[in-house]
Amino acid sequence: MRTGRILVLLGGAALLGCAAEKPAGPQQKTFDVTLSKAASATPCAAAGANAAGAATVTLAADDSTVSVTVTYSGLSGDPTAAHIHAGAPGANGPPVLPFSAPLNSPFSKVFTPADYIAASGAPADFAAFVAGLRAGTGGGYINIHTAACKAGEIRGDIK
């Protein structure tokens, strides 16, 4: 009888321990992005022969920021602009998160809702854009522009 009570008490304690565990909340999410000439929706014939790059995109656990670090090499010239665009892989879309100069490799920026440009054809706001990125639907891409490739020399889809 005593053994039975001890087992019941131990079993109850184990159940209480499980019930006290908190479910995991939102987690930081990181994307490793490869930038290439071939990923451009309209590849630029004037792109540097070895133009390539990489980026790390990190969504904060609470989706309040998007942190990005970009490296590149082999471009046809210095970058004239760099942005995160809204758009599916293989399709062009509007820039929604612009990087600031200087754009020397590597460059980084932490984007907040105040940085978001609600362009036509893009999600209505920063929260909706970040939710799309988090869902992994390929709703954004990084594009580096040069004087020779005004539409973009290298691109990497965030997915």
C-alpha atoms as a PDB file:
ATOM      1  CA  MET A   1       0.000   0.000   0.000  1.00  0.00           C
ATOM      2  CA  ARG A   2       2.813   2.421   0.862  1.00  0.00           C
ATOM      3  CA  THR A   3       4.556   1.647  -2.417  1.00  0.00           C
ATOM      4  CA  GLY A   4       1.348   2.463  -4.293  1.00  0.00           C
ATOM      5  CA  ARG A   5       1.024   5.862  -2.564  1.00  0.00           C
ATOM      6  CA  ILE A   6       4.634   6.723  -3.315  1.00  0.00           C
ATOM      7  CA  LEU A   7       4.164   5.859  -6.999  1.00  0.00           C
ATOM      8  CA  VAL A   8       0.988   7.958  -7.185  1.00  0.00           C
ATOM      9  CA  LEU A   9       2.754  10.909  -5.553  1.00  0.00           C
ATOM     10  CA  LEU A  10       5.758  10.602  -7.873  1.00  0.00           C
ATOM     11  CA  GLY A  11       3.479  10.363 -10.909  1.00  0.00           C
ATOM     12  CA  GLY A  12       1.520  13.444  -9.813  1.00  0.00           C
ATOM     13  CA  ALA A  13       4.728  15.409  -9.289  1.00  0.00           C
ATOM     14  CA  ALA A  14       5.920  14.452 -12.762  1.00  0.00           C
ATOM     15  CA  LEU A  15       2.637  15.637 -14.297  1.00  0.00           C
ATOM     16  CA  LEU A  16       2.836  18.945 -12.456  1.00  0.00           C
ATOM     17  CA  GLY A  17       6.391  19.418 -13.708  1.00  0.00           C
ATOM     18  CA  CYS A  18       5.211  18.914 -17.302  1.00  0.00           C
ATOM     19  CA  ALA A  19       2.293  21.277 -16.846  1.00  0.00           C
ATOM     20  CA  ALA A  20       4.605  23.980 -15.498  1.00  0.00           C
ATOM     21  CA  GLU A  21       6.741  23.999 -18.669  1.00  0.00           C
ATOM     22  CA  LYS A  22       6.063  27.011 -20.837  1.00  0.00           C
ATOM     23  CA  PRO A  23       5.560  26.470 -24.535  1.00  0.00           C
ATOM     24  CA  ALA A  24       8.354  27.855 -26.681  1.00  0.00           C
ATOM     25  CA  GLY A  25       7.622  31.385 -27.854  1.00  0.00           C
ATOM     26  CA  PRO A  26       8.653  32.981 -31.115  1.00  0.00           C
ATOM     27  CA  GLN A  27      12.277  32.402 -31.967  1.00  0.00           C
ATOM     28  CA  GLN A  28      14.827  34.494 -33.803  1.00  0.00           C
ATOM     29  CA  LYS A  29      15.005  33.314 -37.432  1.00  0.00           C
ATOM     30  CA  THR A  30      18.095  33.579 -39.622  1.00  0.00           C
ATOM     31  CA  PHE A  31      18.400  33.226 -43.388  1.00  0.00           C
ATOM     32  CA  ASP A  32      21.686  32.658 -45.240  1.00  0.00           C
ATOM     33  CA  VAL A  33      21.266  34.311 -48.640  1.00  0.00           C
ATOM     34  CA  THR A  34      23.453  33.836 -51.718  1.00  0.00           C
ATOM     35  CA  LEU A  35      23.560  36.797 -54.116  1.00  0.00           C
ATOM     36  CA  SER A  36      24.322  36.078 -57.763  1.00  0.00           C
ATOM     37  CA  LYS A  37      23.924  37.463 -61.263  1.00  0.00           C
ATOM     38  CA  ALA A  38      21.802  34.474 -62.241  1.00  0.00           C
ATOM     39  CA  ALA A  39      19.227  35.158 -59.502  1.00  0.00           C
ATOM     40  CA  SER A  40      18.314  38.513 -61.062  1.00  0.00           C
ATOM     41  CA  ALA A  41      14.897  38.536 -62.730  1.00  0.00           C
ATOM     42  CA  THR A  42      16.601  40.250 -65.669  1.00  0.00           C
ATOM     43  CA  PRO A  43      20.318  39.416 -65.570  1.00  0.00           C
ATOM     44  CA  CYS A  44      22.572  42.339 -66.522  1.00  0.00           C
ATOM     45  CA  ALA A  45      24.973  41.692 -69.421  1.00  0.00           C
ATOM     46  CA  ALA A  46      27.371  44.328 -68.025  1.00  0.00           C
ATOM     47  CA  ALA A  47      27.700  42.607 -64.628  1.00  0.00           C
ATOM     48  CA  GLY A  48      31.182  41.793 -63.401  1.00  0.00           C
ATOM     49  CA  ALA A  49      32.390  38.377 -64.532  1.00  0.00           C
ATOM     50  CA  ASN A  50      32.788  37.205 -60.927  1.00  0.00           C
ATOM     51  CA  ALA A  51      30.032  39.280 -59.300  1.00  0.00           C
ATOM     52  CA  ALA A  52      28.731  37.453 -56.241  1.00  0.00           C
ATOM     53  CA  GLY A  53      27.742  38.040 -52.651  1.00  0.00           C
ATOM     54  CA  ALA A  54      26.229  36.678 -49.488  1.00  0.00           C
ATOM     55  CA  ALA A  55      23.992  38.009 -46.750  1.00  0.00           C
ATOM     56  CA  THR A  56      22.769  37.017 -43.345  1.00  0.00           C
ATOM     57  CA  VAL A  57      19.239  38.173 -42.554  1.00  0.00           C
ATOM     58  CA  THR A  58      18.007  37.806 -38.975  1.00  0.00           C
ATOM     59  CA  LEU A  59      14.436  38.408 -37.831  1.00  0.00           C
ATOM     60  CA  ALA A  60      14.169  39.316 -34.144  1.00  0.00           C
ATOM     61  CA  ALA A  61      12.109  36.897 -32.060  1.00  0.00           C
ATOM     62  CA  ASP A  62       9.420  39.568 -31.633  1.00  0.00           C
ATOM     63  CA  ASP A  63       9.665  40.641 -35.328  1.00  0.00           C
ATOM     64  CA  SER A  64      10.563  44.198 -34.272  1.00  0.00           C
ATOM     65  CA  THR A  65      13.775  44.307 -36.328  1.00  0.00           C
ATOM     66  CA  VAL A  66      15.415  42.797 -39.386  1.00  0.00           C
ATOM     67  CA  SER A  67      19.216  42.722 -39.088  1.00  0.00           C
ATOM     68  CA  VAL A  68      21.195  42.292 -42.294  1.00  0.00           C
ATOM     69  CA  THR A  69      24.886  41.977 -43.130  1.00  0.00           C
ATOM     70  CA  VAL A  70      25.899  41.869 -46.801  1.00  0.00           C
ATOM     71  CA  THR A  71      29.243  41.043 -48.405  1.00  0.00           C
ATOM     72  CA  TYR A  72      30.029  41.144 -52.111  1.00  0.00           C
ATOM     73  CA  SER A  73      32.903  41.043 -54.597  1.00  0.00           C
ATOM     74  CA  GLY A  74      33.548  41.221 -58.319  1.00  0.00           C
ATOM     75  CA  LEU A  75      30.943  43.862 -59.160  1.00  0.00           C
ATOM     76  CA  SER A  76      31.306  45.914 -62.345  1.00  0.00           C
ATOM     77  CA  GLY A  77      31.773  49.009 -60.171  1.00  0.00           C
ATOM     78  CA  ASP A  78      30.888  50.499 -56.826  1.00  0.00           C
ATOM     79  CA  PRO A  79      27.302  49.954 -55.656  1.00  0.00           C
ATOM     80  CA  THR A  80      25.028  52.924 -56.313  1.00  0.00           C
ATOM     81  CA  ALA A  81      22.210  51.489 -54.167  1.00  0.00           C
ATOM     82  CA  ALA A  82      21.194  48.383 -52.266  1.00  0.00           C
ATOM     83  CA  HIS A  83      17.748  47.440 -51.007  1.00  0.00           C
ATOM     84  CA  ILE A  84      15.555  44.699 -49.747  1.00  0.00           C
ATOM     85  CA  HIS A  85      12.697  44.438 -52.224  1.00  0.00           C
ATOM     86  CA  ALA A  86       9.268  42.861 -51.799  1.00  0.00           C
ATOM     87  CA  GLY A  87       8.809  40.179 -54.422  1.00  0.00           C
ATOM     88  CA  ALA A  88       8.777  36.489 -55.154  1.00  0.00           C
ATOM     89  CA  PRO A  89      11.767  34.601 -56.565  1.00  0.00           C
ATOM     90  CA  GLY A  90      12.222  35.393 -60.256  1.00  0.00           C
ATOM     91  CA  ALA A  91       9.947  38.436 -60.142  1.00  0.00           C
ATOM     92  CA  ASN A  92      10.773  42.102 -59.710  1.00  0.00           C
ATOM     93  CA  GLY A  93       9.238  44.046 -56.854  1.00  0.00           C
ATOM     94  CA  PRO A  94       9.487  47.443 -55.202  1.00  0.00           C
ATOM     95  CA  PRO A  95      12.270  48.347 -52.766  1.00  0.00           C
ATOM     96  CA  VAL A  96      10.894  48.450 -49.209  1.00  0.00           C
ATOM     97  CA  LEU A  97      13.998  48.562 -46.974  1.00  0.00           C
ATOM     98  CA  PRO A  98      16.881  50.691 -48.321  1.00  0.00           C
ATOM     99  CA  PHE A  99      20.445  50.370 -47.097  1.00  0.00           C
ATOM    100  CA  SER A 100      22.309  53.593 -46.332  1.00  0.00           C
ATOM    101  CA  ALA A 101      25.689  54.624 -47.695  1.00  0.00           C
ATOM    102  CA  PRO A 102      28.469  53.730 -47.433  1.00  0.00           C
ATOM    103  CA  LEU A 103      27.911  50.444 -49.271  1.00  0.00           C
ATOM    104  CA  ASN A 104      31.469  49.144 -48.991  1.00  0.00           C
ATOM    105  CA  SER A 105      31.635  45.385 -48.455  1.00  0.00           C
ATOM    106  CA  PRO A 106      30.680  44.331 -45.859  1.00  0.00           C
ATOM    107  CA  PHE A 107      27.778  46.590 -44.896  1.00  0.00           C
ATOM    108  CA  SER A 108      25.092  46.100 -42.274  1.00  0.00           C
ATOM    109  CA  LYS A 109      21.863  47.627 -41.101  1.00  0.00           C
ATOM    110  CA  VAL A 110      19.218  46.927 -38.484  1.00  0.00           C
ATOM    111  CA  PHE A 111      15.842  47.792 -40.005  1.00  0.00           C
ATOM    112  CA  THR A 112      12.846  48.852 -37.898  1.00  0.00           C
ATOM    113  CA  PRO A 113       9.245  49.681 -38.827  1.00  0.00           C
ATOM    114  CA  ALA A 114      10.316  53.325 -39.350  1.00  0.00           C
ATOM    115  CA  ASP A 115      12.558  52.230 -42.262  1.00  0.00           C
ATOM    116  CA  TYR A 116       9.778  50.491 -44.193  1.00  0.00           C
ATOM    117  CA  ILE A 117       8.539  52.007 -47.453  1.00  0.00           C
ATOM    118  CA  ALA A 118       4.972  50.853 -48.149  1.00  0.00           C
ATOM    119  CA  ALA A 119       5.312  50.825 -51.935  1.00  0.00           C
ATOM    120  CA  SER A 120       2.607  49.828 -54.379  1.00  0.00           C
ATOM    121  CA  GLY A 121       2.615  46.046 -54.739  1.00  0.00           C
ATOM    122  CA  ALA A 122       4.336  45.501 -51.377  1.00  0.00           C
ATOM    123  CA  PRO A 123       2.847  44.401 -48.054  1.00  0.00           C
ATOM    124  CA  ALA A 124       1.026  47.247 -46.309  1.00  0.00           C
ATOM    125  CA  ASP A 125       3.505  47.577 -43.438  1.00  0.00           C
ATOM    126  CA  PHE A 126       6.703  46.294 -41.836  1.00  0.00           C
ATOM    127  CA  ALA A 127       4.845  43.737 -39.702  1.00  0.00           C
ATOM    128  CA  ALA A 128       3.154  42.175 -42.733  1.00  0.00           C
ATOM    129  CA  PHE A 129       6.439  42.111 -44.682  1.00  0.00           C
ATOM    130  CA  VAL A 130       8.321  40.457 -41.808  1.00  0.00           C
ATOM    131  CA  ALA A 131       5.492  37.945 -41.312  1.00  0.00           C
ATOM    132  CA  GLY A 132       5.885  36.944 -44.969  1.00  0.00           C
ATOM    133  CA  LEU A 133       9.632  36.517 -44.557  1.00  0.00           C
ATOM    134  CA  ARG A 134       9.144  34.452 -41.403  1.00  0.00           C
ATOM    135  CA  ALA A 135       6.629  32.221 -43.195  1.00  0.00           C
ATOM    136  CA  GLY A 136       9.326  31.424 -45.765  1.00  0.00           C
ATOM    137  CA  THR A 137       7.161  32.320 -48.713  1.00  0.00           C
ATOM    138  CA  GLY A 138      10.037  34.014 -50.549  1.00  0.00           C
ATOM    139  CA  GLY A 139       8.467  37.437 -50.247  1.00  0.00           C
ATOM    140  CA  GLY A 140      11.682  39.433 -50.323  1.00  0.00           C
ATOM    141  CA  TYR A 141      15.089  39.709 -51.919  1.00  0.00           C
ATOM    142  CA  ILE A 142      18.304  41.697 -51.589  1.00  0.00           C
ATOM    143  CA  ASN A 143      19.460  43.562 -54.682  1.00  0.00           C
ATOM    144  CA  ILE A 144      22.718  45.465 -55.209  1.00  0.00           C
ATOM    145  CA  HIS A 145      22.684  48.050 -57.998  1.00  0.00           C
ATOM    146  CA  THR A 146      25.645  49.538 -59.892  1.00  0.00           C
ATOM    147  CA  ALA A 147      25.962  52.226 -62.578  1.00  0.00           C
ATOM    148  CA  ALA A 148      26.417  49.511 -65.224  1.00  0.00           C
ATOM    149  CA  CYS A 149      23.473  47.491 -63.899  1.00  0.00           C
ATOM    150  CA  LYS A 150      20.865  50.018 -62.820  1.00  0.00           C
ATOM    151  CA  ALA A 151      18.160  47.362 -62.336  1.00  0.00           C
ATOM    152  CA  GLY A 152      20.508  45.331 -60.146  1.00  0.00           C
ATOM    153  CA  GLU A 153      23.772  43.456 -60.615  1.00  0.00           C
ATOM    154  CA  ILE A 154      23.385  40.685 -58.031  1.00  0.00           C
ATOM    155  CA  ARG A 155      20.338  39.440 -56.179  1.00  0.00           C
ATOM    156  CA  GLY A 156      19.545  36.965 -53.429  1.00  0.00           C
ATOM    157  CA  ASP A 157      16.084  35.717 -52.484  1.00  0.00           C
ATOM    158  CA  ILE A 158      15.336  35.602 -48.752  1.00  0.00           C
ATOM    159  CA  LYS A 159      13.895  32.140 -48.172  1.00  0.00           C
END
